[in-house]
């Protein structure tokens, strides 16, 4: 008869297995179960294809959280759908300088960033190959400030901005592909018609003839340029010889000019030694002449005795001249008076 199993031993094995499972979960989650978190939500306007639960949430490339839930909301009053994406932010990954890392402080900072600094969420591609996406948070202070009400204890709502793929899809959706295809078809037809046209063939033939003539002209120019180059080279040699000849003649001329300059300097020095005494003599002569002129002026001045004597002498000389003139006239009429005397 088999022995009955001991319930205590079985219970111990079960309890040990549970402890091992709990330890394994904690180890594999790296403390994620015990980690503090702040719940956030964003309603993305377009498709969220490629975004999965567990995808990273990054702020300017730094992982700060992960996506926890993706759903679909139907709004009967608007007859429309919206895509809520729930994700969590880890306060330990956000360092508030001058503050703490508590949930309340981080929530306050996030709410302030949303309202004051334009914090927004956008889908960004992780890899073009895999097509995976993540939630990227970034700030844009240029956006207008807005207030967002967050229920106490509820997730913080972060406004969304369109992803790059949504913008491209919108642009492509606005393109008139049929018109583009029609224009491309017409362009190809016009090109084909041009290629087959007689005018293009004539143009190519004329171009070929022009190229042949150009080649001929270039050949002729090459034939003329070579002797011209030789003449230019010979001219340069002649100019070099001329420069040497001029240099040979200029050097003696420069020596002569230098000697002439020395002679002129000596002559000027001699003139300076002779001019100085001559200048003194001229100054003395001018002084004597000045004194003589002053004496003459004093003799001929009004009221001087010399002036009176000169006037009287001139008057007597005048009377004597008149008497001589009368005597001459009388003798001219009566020459015999020289012999007989005056009667």
Protein backbone atom coordinates (compact mmCIF):
# COMPACT_ATOMS: atom_id res chain seq x y z
CA UNK A 1 0.00 0.00 0.00
CA UNK A 2 1.44 3.38 -1.08
CA UNK A 3 2.42 5.98 1.47
CA UNK A 4 0.21 9.15 1.62
CA UNK A 5 1.90 12.43 0.50
CA UNK A 6 2.74 14.96 3.18
CA UNK A 7 0.65 18.15 2.67
CA UNK A 8 3.26 20.26 4.42
CA UNK A 9 5.93 19.27 1.95
CA UNK A 10 3.61 19.94 -0.99
CA UNK A 11 2.69 23.35 0.42
CA UNK A 12 6.35 24.20 0.88
CA UNK A 13 7.12 23.32 -2.72
CA UNK A 14 4.19 25.45 -3.97
CA UNK A 15 5.21 28.41 -1.79
CA UNK A 16 8.81 28.16 -2.97
CA UNK A 17 7.68 28.10 -6.59
CA UNK A 18 5.56 31.22 -6.04
CA UNK A 19 8.50 33.02 -4.44
CA UNK A 20 10.73 32.09 -7.38
CA UNK A 21 8.10 33.32 -9.86
CA UNK A 22 7.76 36.66 -8.02
CA UNK A 23 11.53 37.11 -7.89
CA UNK A 24 11.80 36.29 -11.60
CA UNK A 25 9.08 38.79 -12.49
CA UNK A 26 10.76 41.52 -10.46
CA UNK A 27 14.12 40.74 -12.02
CA UNK A 28 12.82 40.66 -15.58
CA UNK A 29 10.83 43.88 -15.17
CA UNK A 30 13.91 45.65 -13.70
CA UNK A 31 11.77 47.16 -10.99
CA UNK A 32 9.09 48.39 -13.41
CA UNK A 33 6.31 47.10 -11.18
CA UNK A 34 7.57 49.20 -8.29
CA UNK A 35 8.32 52.25 -10.42
CA UNK A 36 6.40 55.52 -10.01
CA UNK A 37 4.58 56.68 -13.10
CA UNK A 38 2.47 59.55 -14.40
CA UNK A 39 -0.31 58.65 -16.77
CA UNK A 40 -0.74 60.77 -19.90
CA UNK A 41 -3.02 60.59 -22.92
CA UNK A 42 -2.95 61.96 -26.44
CA UNK A 43 -5.61 61.79 -29.14
CA UNK A 44 -3.78 61.48 -32.45
CA UNK A 45 -5.68 62.82 -35.48
CA UNK A 46 -4.41 60.30 -38.04
CA UNK A 47 -3.42 56.67 -38.22
CA UNK A 48 -1.30 55.15 -35.44
CA UNK A 49 -0.21 52.19 -37.53
CA UNK A 50 3.21 50.98 -36.37
CA UNK A 51 2.68 52.18 -32.79
CA UNK A 52 2.40 49.29 -30.32
CA UNK A 53 1.93 48.91 -26.59
CA UNK A 54 5.36 49.09 -24.97
CA UNK A 55 6.71 51.55 -27.56
CA UNK A 56 9.03 54.19 -26.16
CA UNK A 57 8.02 57.70 -25.21
CA UNK A 58 10.90 60.11 -25.83
CA UNK A 59 11.57 63.74 -25.07
CA UNK A 60 14.04 65.13 -27.61
CA UNK A 61 15.46 61.62 -28.09
CA UNK A 62 15.66 60.67 -24.38
CA UNK A 63 13.44 57.72 -23.28
CA UNK A 64 11.23 58.87 -20.40
CA UNK A 65 8.29 56.43 -20.59
CA UNK A 66 6.34 53.90 -22.63
CA UNK A 67 2.96 53.35 -24.29
CA UNK A 68 0.53 51.42 -22.08
CA UNK A 69 -2.70 51.29 -24.08
CA UNK A 70 -4.07 52.07 -27.54
CA UNK A 71 -7.79 52.17 -28.14
CA UNK A 72 -10.61 53.52 -30.30
CA UNK A 73 -13.33 55.90 -29.06
CA UNK A 74 -16.60 56.41 -30.92
CA UNK A 75 -18.35 59.75 -30.46
CA UNK A 76 -22.04 59.26 -31.28
CA UNK A 77 -22.92 62.95 -31.09
CA UNK A 78 -20.27 63.72 -33.72
CA UNK A 79 -20.53 60.39 -35.51
CA UNK A 80 -16.73 60.18 -35.56
CA UNK A 81 -13.86 58.18 -34.12
CA UNK A 82 -10.73 59.15 -32.23
CA UNK A 83 -7.63 57.20 -31.26
CA UNK A 84 -6.61 57.61 -27.59
CA UNK A 85 -3.02 56.59 -26.84
CA UNK A 86 -2.28 56.16 -23.14
CA UNK A 87 1.33 56.26 -22.00
CA UNK A 88 3.21 56.74 -18.78
CA UNK A 89 6.07 59.04 -17.83
CA UNK A 90 8.61 57.94 -15.23
CA UNK A 91 9.37 60.72 -12.73
CA UNK A 92 12.79 59.17 -12.10
CA UNK A 93 13.72 60.00 -15.72
CA UNK A 94 12.78 63.70 -15.39
CA UNK A 95 15.12 65.72 -13.19
CA UNK A 96 13.48 68.85 -11.80
CA UNK A 97 16.39 71.18 -10.95
CA UNK A 98 15.78 72.78 -7.57
CA UNK A 99 12.83 70.49 -6.86
CA UNK A 100 12.10 66.87 -6.12
CA UNK A 101 11.17 63.89 -8.30
CA UNK A 102 7.80 63.34 -6.69
CA UNK A 103 4.80 62.71 -8.86
CA UNK A 104 3.17 66.01 -7.86
CA UNK A 105 6.22 68.06 -8.86
CA UNK A 106 6.63 66.30 -12.20
CA UNK A 107 2.89 66.62 -12.96
CA UNK A 108 3.09 70.34 -12.25
CA UNK A 109 6.11 70.73 -14.53
CA UNK A 110 4.45 68.77 -17.34
CA UNK A 111 1.22 70.76 -17.06
CA UNK A 112 3.21 74.02 -17.16
CA UNK A 113 5.15 72.85 -20.22
CA UNK A 114 1.91 72.04 -22.03
CA UNK A 115 0.30 75.42 -21.31
CA UNK A 116 3.30 77.77 -21.34
CA UNK A 117 5.95 76.14 -23.58
CA UNK A 118 3.80 74.35 -26.13
CA UNK A 119 4.58 70.73 -25.18
CA UNK A 120 3.14 68.50 -27.92
CA UNK A 121 3.16 64.80 -28.87
CA UNK A 122 3.87 63.41 -32.33
CA UNK A 123 4.44 60.00 -33.88
CA UNK A 124 7.98 59.47 -35.21
CA UNK A 125 9.41 56.54 -37.12
CA UNK A 126 11.84 54.25 -35.32
CA UNK A 127 12.91 52.38 -38.44
CA UNK A 128 11.80 52.60 -42.04
CA UNK A 129 12.50 48.89 -42.46
CA UNK A 130 10.34 47.67 -39.55
CA UNK A 131 7.77 50.46 -39.77
CA UNK A 132 7.74 50.87 -35.99
CA UNK A 133 6.78 54.19 -34.41
CA UNK A 134 7.21 55.87 -31.02
CA UNK A 135 5.68 58.85 -29.22
CA UNK A 136 7.96 61.91 -29.37
CA UNK A 137 7.42 64.86 -27.04
CA UNK A 138 8.81 68.29 -27.89
CA UNK A 139 8.19 71.93 -26.99
CA UNK A 140 7.35 74.83 -29.30
CA UNK A 141 7.20 78.20 -27.46
CA UNK A 142 5.84 79.86 -30.63
CA UNK A 143 2.48 78.15 -30.16
CA UNK A 144 -0.24 80.22 -28.47
CA UNK A 145 -0.68 79.63 -24.74
CA UNK A 146 -3.74 77.56 -23.80
CA UNK A 147 -5.16 76.18 -20.59
CA UNK A 148 -6.00 72.46 -20.38
CA UNK A 149 -8.08 71.04 -17.55
CA UNK A 150 -6.81 67.78 -16.09
CA UNK A 151 -9.11 65.78 -13.76
CA UNK A 152 -7.54 65.19 -10.32
CA UNK A 153 -5.65 61.91 -10.48
CA UNK A 154 -6.53 61.47 -14.16
CA UNK A 155 -4.13 61.31 -17.08
CA UNK A 156 -2.55 64.54 -18.30
CA UNK A 157 -3.77 65.36 -21.78
CA UNK A 158 -1.03 66.35 -24.23
CA UNK A 159 -2.20 67.89 -27.53
CA UNK A 160 -1.03 66.16 -30.70
CA UNK A 161 0.53 67.47 -33.87
CA UNK A 162 0.36 65.68 -37.20
CA UNK A 163 3.06 63.14 -37.98
CA UNK A 164 5.26 63.58 -41.03
CA UNK A 165 3.62 60.67 -42.81
CA UNK A 166 0.19 62.22 -42.23
CA UNK A 167 1.36 65.50 -43.76
CA UNK A 168 2.78 63.65 -46.77
CA UNK A 169 -0.38 61.61 -47.18
CA UNK A 170 -2.45 64.79 -47.05
CA UNK A 171 -0.24 66.41 -49.70
CA UNK A 172 -0.41 63.34 -51.91
CA UNK A 173 -4.16 63.18 -51.44
CA UNK A 174 -4.50 66.72 -52.76
CA UNK A 175 -2.48 65.97 -55.88
CA UNK A 176 -4.39 65.41 -59.11
CA UNK A 177 -2.61 62.23 -60.19
CA UNK A 178 -4.68 61.85 -63.34
CA UNK A 179 -3.70 65.36 -64.47
CA UNK A 180 -0.05 64.65 -63.67
CA UNK A 181 -0.15 61.41 -65.64
CA UNK A 182 -1.87 63.17 -68.54
CA UNK A 183 0.73 65.94 -68.58
CA UNK A 184 3.56 63.41 -68.42
CA UNK A 185 2.00 61.46 -71.31
CA UNK A 186 1.63 64.63 -73.40
CA UNK A 187 5.23 65.61 -72.63
CA UNK A 188 6.53 62.20 -73.70
CA UNK A 189 4.45 62.37 -76.88
CA UNK A 190 5.84 65.82 -77.68
CA UNK A 191 9.39 64.60 -77.07
CA UNK A 192 8.80 61.60 -79.32
CA UNK A 193 7.37 63.83 -82.05
CA UNK A 194 10.36 66.15 -81.75
CA UNK A 195 12.80 63.24 -81.98
CA UNK A 196 11.10 61.96 -85.13
CA UNK A 197 10.76 65.40 -86.75
CA UNK A 198 12.67 66.42 -89.89
CA UNK A 199 13.62 69.72 -88.27
CA UNK A 200 15.62 67.97 -85.54
CA UNK A 201 17.49 65.89 -88.10
CA UNK A 202 18.30 69.02 -90.14
CA UNK A 203 19.43 70.78 -86.99
CA UNK A 204 21.71 67.89 -86.07
CA UNK A 205 23.17 67.84 -89.59
CA UNK A 206 23.79 71.60 -89.47
CA UNK A 207 25.34 71.21 -86.05
CA UNK A 208 27.61 68.48 -87.38
CA UNK A 209 28.70 70.75 -90.24
CA UNK A 210 29.30 73.58 -87.81
CA UNK A 211 31.44 71.33 -85.64
CA UNK A 212 33.50 70.29 -88.69
CA UNK A 213 34.03 73.93 -89.68
CA UNK A 214 34.94 74.80 -86.10
CA UNK A 215 37.50 72.01 -86.05
CA UNK A 216 38.97 73.34 -89.31
CA UNK A 217 39.21 76.86 -87.90
CA UNK A 218 40.87 75.54 -84.75
CA UNK A 219 43.41 73.64 -86.85
CA UNK A 220 44.20 76.78 -88.85
CA UNK A 221 44.51 78.82 -85.68
CA UNK A 222 46.92 76.27 -84.24
CA UNK A 223 49.01 76.49 -87.41
CA UNK A 224 49.13 80.31 -87.13
CA UNK A 225 49.60 80.51 -83.40
CA UNK A 226 52.82 78.46 -83.37
CA UNK A 227 54.88 80.90 -85.53
CA UNK A 228 53.23 83.79 -83.72
CA UNK A 229 54.45 82.30 -80.47
CA UNK A 230 57.95 82.02 -81.90
CA UNK A 231 57.84 85.69 -82.95
CA UNK A 232 56.62 86.71 -79.53
CA UNK A 233 59.45 84.75 -77.95
CA UNK A 234 62.00 86.43 -80.26
CA UNK A 235 60.47 89.83 -79.47
CA UNK A 236 60.89 89.16 -75.78
CA UNK A 237 64.53 88.24 -76.38
CA UNK A 238 65.03 91.50 -78.34
CA UNK A 239 63.42 93.47 -75.55
CA UNK A 240 65.78 91.79 -73.11
CA UNK A 241 68.79 92.77 -75.21
CA UNK A 242 67.46 96.32 -75.54
CA UNK A 243 67.07 96.54 -71.78
CA UNK A 244 70.66 95.40 -71.31
CA UNK A 245 71.88 98.01 -73.84
CA UNK A 246 69.92 100.78 -72.14
CA UNK A 247 71.29 99.67 -68.81
CA UNK A 248 74.84 99.79 -70.17
CA UNK A 249 74.28 103.37 -71.40
CA UNK A 250 72.38 104.57 -68.40
CA UNK A 251 75.08 103.65 -65.89
CA UNK A 252 77.75 106.07 -67.32
CA UNK A 253 75.08 108.74 -67.73
CA UNK A 254 74.17 108.31 -64.10
CA UNK A 255 77.83 108.71 -63.14
CA UNK A 256 78.04 111.91 -65.22
CA UNK A 257 74.87 113.25 -63.62
CA UNK A 258 76.30 112.54 -60.21
CA UNK A 259 79.57 114.36 -61.11
CA UNK A 260 77.59 117.32 -62.53
CA UNK A 261 75.56 117.46 -59.34
CA UNK A 262 78.78 117.56 -57.31
CA UNK A 263 80.16 120.40 -59.52
CA UNK A 264 76.92 122.37 -59.14
CA UNK A 265 77.12 121.94 -55.39
CA UNK A 266 80.70 123.28 -55.39
CA UNK A 267 79.70 126.23 -57.63
CA UNK A 268 76.80 127.14 -55.38
CA UNK A 269 79.10 126.98 -52.37
CA UNK A 270 81.58 129.36 -54.10
CA UNK A 271 78.79 131.73 -55.08
CA UNK A 272 77.58 131.80 -51.50
CA UNK A 273 81.08 132.81 -50.29
CA UNK A 274 81.30 135.62 -52.91
CA UNK A 275 77.75 136.88 -52.66
CA UNK A 276 77.96 137.56 -48.94
CA UNK A 277 80.66 140.40 -49.15
CA UNK A 278 79.03 141.72 -52.36
CA UNK A 279 75.76 141.94 -50.51
CA UNK A 280 77.43 143.94 -47.72
CA UNK A 281 78.93 146.39 -50.30
CA UNK A 282 75.56 146.83 -52.00
CA UNK A 283 73.91 147.51 -48.66
CA UNK A 284 76.63 150.16 -47.86
CA UNK A 285 76.21 151.84 -51.29
CA UNK A 286 72.45 151.94 -50.89
CA UNK A 287 72.93 153.58 -47.49
CA UNK A 288 75.21 156.29 -48.98
CA UNK A 289 72.77 156.93 -51.82
CA UNK A 290 69.96 157.24 -49.32
CA UNK A 291 71.89 159.84 -47.32
CA UNK A 292 72.77 161.79 -50.51
CA UNK A 293 69.11 161.86 -51.52
CA UNK A 294 68.15 163.13 -48.09
CA UNK A 295 70.80 165.94 -48.41
CA UNK A 296 69.51 166.92 -51.86
CA UNK A 297 65.99 166.99 -50.51
CA UNK A 298 67.07 169.27 -47.65
CA UNK A 299 68.83 171.67 -50.12
CA UNK A 300 65.80 171.96 -52.39
CA UNK A 301 63.18 172.22 -49.68
CA UNK A 302 60.99 175.37 -49.42
CA UNK A 303 62.48 178.20 -47.25
CA UNK A 304 66.08 176.99 -47.27
CA UNK A 305 68.85 179.63 -47.89
CA UNK A 306 70.43 177.44 -50.50
CA UNK A 307 67.13 177.35 -52.37
CA UNK A 308 66.89 181.19 -52.17
CA UNK A 309 70.47 181.68 -53.46
CA UNK A 310 69.82 179.24 -56.29
CA UNK A 311 66.63 181.13 -57.27
CA UNK A 312 68.45 184.49 -57.29
CA UNK A 313 71.36 183.00 -59.26
CA UNK A 314 68.95 181.60 -61.81
CA UNK A 315 67.21 185.03 -62.14
CA UNK A 316 70.51 186.84 -62.72
CA UNK A 317 71.58 184.17 -65.19
CA UNK A 318 68.29 184.68 -67.00
CA UNK A 319 68.80 188.47 -67.22
CA UNK A 320 72.37 187.95 -68.42
CA UNK A 321 71.15 185.56 -71.07
CA UNK A 322 68.57 188.07 -72.23
CA UNK A 323 71.26 190.83 -72.44
CA UNK A 324 73.50 188.51 -74.41
CA UNK A 325 70.61 187.73 -76.71
CA UNK A 326 69.89 191.43 -77.28
CA UNK A 327 73.60 192.08 -77.95
CA UNK A 328 73.73 189.21 -80.39
CA UNK A 329 70.67 190.51 -82.21
CA UNK A 330 72.14 194.02 -82.42
CA UNK A 331 75.51 192.76 -83.71
CA UNK A 332 73.69 190.70 -86.24
CA UNK A 333 71.96 193.82 -87.54
CA UNK A 334 74.96 196.16 -87.11
CA UNK A 335 78.20 194.19 -87.43
CA UNK A 336 80.16 197.40 -87.96
CA UNK A 337 79.55 198.29 -84.35
CA UNK A 338 82.42 195.98 -83.43
CA UNK A 339 84.75 198.46 -85.21
CA UNK A 340 83.03 201.80 -84.68
CA UNK A 341 81.38 201.22 -81.34
CA UNK A 342 77.80 201.91 -80.41
CA UNK A 343 76.53 205.32 -81.41
